[in-house]
C-alpha cells in the first residue's frame, strides 16, 4: 500500500486497529491543519521506499474516538504499529529522519 493523501472521516475503533496485521502507520490530523500540510513532503519522502507499509490517514477532532484512544494531543501524530501494537510515535515531525527512524522499527 502506498501513501494516502486525504484524511478519512471514517472512525475505526480501537479493536479494529488492534486486529491489523503487519506494519501500519496511523496518521492523525486534518486537511486544514498547517502542521499536517507541512509534514506531508517529509512523510512522502520517508514512505517512498516502504510501499509495503499500510498508511491510514485518520481525520481527528471532536467526537473522534480513535484519536482519544491513542491519546493524540497535537497534529499530526504518526503512530507506528506492528500487528496492531504501537511501537513508535512521532508528533509534528521536524524532519524526514525522525519518520525514517520510526519506520525502521516496523519495516520488515
Protein backbone atom coordinates (compact mmCIF):
# COMPACT_ATOMS: atom_id res chain seq x y z
CA UNK A 1 0.00 0.00 0.00
CA UNK A 2 1.27 3.49 -0.67
CA UNK A 3 0.93 6.86 1.00
CA UNK A 4 -2.57 8.19 1.46
CA UNK A 5 -3.15 11.87 0.68
CA UNK A 6 -6.60 12.50 2.18
CA UNK A 7 -7.65 12.24 5.80
CA UNK A 8 -10.60 9.88 6.04
CA UNK A 9 -13.54 10.80 8.27
CA UNK A 10 -14.11 7.09 8.99
CA UNK A 11 -13.97 6.30 12.65
CA UNK A 12 -12.18 3.00 13.07
CA UNK A 13 -12.48 1.63 16.54
CA UNK A 14 -9.56 0.63 18.70
CA UNK A 15 -10.36 -3.09 18.38
CA UNK A 16 -10.25 -2.88 14.57
CA UNK A 17 -6.84 -1.22 14.77
CA UNK A 18 -5.57 -3.86 17.19
CA UNK A 19 -6.56 -6.57 14.69
CA UNK A 20 -4.47 -5.09 11.84
CA UNK A 21 -1.71 -7.45 10.74
CA UNK A 22 1.70 -6.27 9.64
CA UNK A 23 3.25 -2.80 9.69
CA UNK A 24 0.85 0.16 9.75
CA UNK A 25 1.12 3.91 10.21
CA UNK A 26 -1.86 5.79 11.62
CA UNK A 27 -1.59 9.48 10.82
CA UNK A 28 -3.92 11.63 12.90
CA UNK A 29 -4.68 15.15 11.66
CA UNK A 30 -6.92 17.21 9.38
CA UNK A 31 -6.74 18.62 5.85
CA UNK A 32 -6.78 22.23 7.09
CA UNK A 33 -4.02 21.87 9.68
CA UNK A 34 -0.89 23.80 8.70
CA UNK A 35 1.39 21.45 10.66
CA UNK A 36 -0.20 18.47 8.88
CA UNK A 37 0.30 20.10 5.49
CA UNK A 38 3.94 20.89 6.29
CA UNK A 39 4.59 17.26 7.28
CA UNK A 40 3.32 15.77 4.02
CA UNK A 41 6.51 16.14 1.92
CA UNK A 42 8.58 14.66 4.78
CA UNK A 43 6.19 11.74 5.11
CA UNK A 44 6.07 11.15 1.36
CA UNK A 45 9.87 11.08 1.16
CA UNK A 46 10.16 8.70 4.11
CA UNK A 47 7.48 6.35 2.76
CA UNK A 48 8.88 6.29 -0.79
CA UNK A 49 10.96 3.17 -0.04
CA UNK A 50 8.25 1.44 2.03
CA UNK A 51 5.34 0.70 -0.32
CA UNK A 52 4.53 -2.40 1.73
CA UNK A 53 3.61 -0.43 4.85
CA UNK A 54 -0.08 0.36 5.33
CA UNK A 55 -0.68 4.10 5.78
CA UNK A 56 -4.04 5.26 7.15
CA UNK A 57 -4.79 8.97 7.47
CA UNK A 58 -7.35 9.38 10.22
CA UNK A 59 -9.28 12.65 10.42
CA UNK A 60 -9.14 13.67 14.05
CA UNK A 61 -11.12 16.15 16.11
CA UNK A 62 -14.05 16.50 18.44
CA UNK A 63 -16.07 13.30 18.71
CA UNK A 64 -13.40 11.11 17.08
CA UNK A 65 -12.81 8.27 19.49
CA UNK A 66 -9.76 6.68 17.90
CA UNK A 67 -7.64 9.78 18.44
CA UNK A 68 -8.64 9.80 22.10
CA UNK A 69 -7.83 6.09 22.43
CA UNK A 70 -4.30 6.87 21.21
CA UNK A 71 -4.03 9.99 23.43
CA UNK A 72 -3.48 12.29 20.44
CA UNK A 73 -2.93 15.87 21.60
CA UNK A 74 -1.18 17.54 18.64
CA UNK A 75 -1.43 17.14 14.87
CA UNK A 76 -0.06 15.44 13.01
CA UNK A 77 0.63 12.46 15.22
CA UNK A 78 2.08 9.42 13.49
CA UNK A 79 1.56 6.13 15.32
CA UNK A 80 3.67 3.24 14.03
CA UNK A 81 2.10 -0.16 14.62
CA UNK A 82 3.27 -3.74 14.20
CA UNK A 83 0.40 -6.24 14.26
CA UNK A 84 -1.85 -3.65 15.90
CA UNK A 85 0.57 -2.75 18.71
CA UNK A 86 2.21 0.67 18.95
CA UNK A 87 6.00 0.50 18.66
CA UNK A 88 6.84 4.13 17.86
CA UNK A 89 5.28 7.58 17.66
CA UNK A 90 6.29 10.86 16.00
CA UNK A 91 4.44 14.06 16.84
CA UNK A 92 4.80 17.02 14.47
CA UNK A 93 7.75 15.55 12.60
CA UNK A 94 10.52 18.10 12.20
CA UNK A 95 12.49 16.06 9.71
CA UNK A 96 12.28 13.14 7.35
CA UNK A 97 14.85 11.36 9.52
CA UNK A 98 12.53 11.25 12.54
CA UNK A 99 9.95 9.44 10.40
CA UNK A 100 12.56 7.12 8.85
CA UNK A 101 13.86 6.19 12.32
CA UNK A 102 10.35 5.17 13.41
CA UNK A 103 9.77 3.32 10.13
CA UNK A 104 12.84 1.18 10.83
CA UNK A 105 11.08 -0.18 13.90
CA UNK A 106 8.22 -1.60 11.83
CA UNK A 107 9.82 -2.24 8.42
CA UNK A 108 10.31 -5.90 7.57
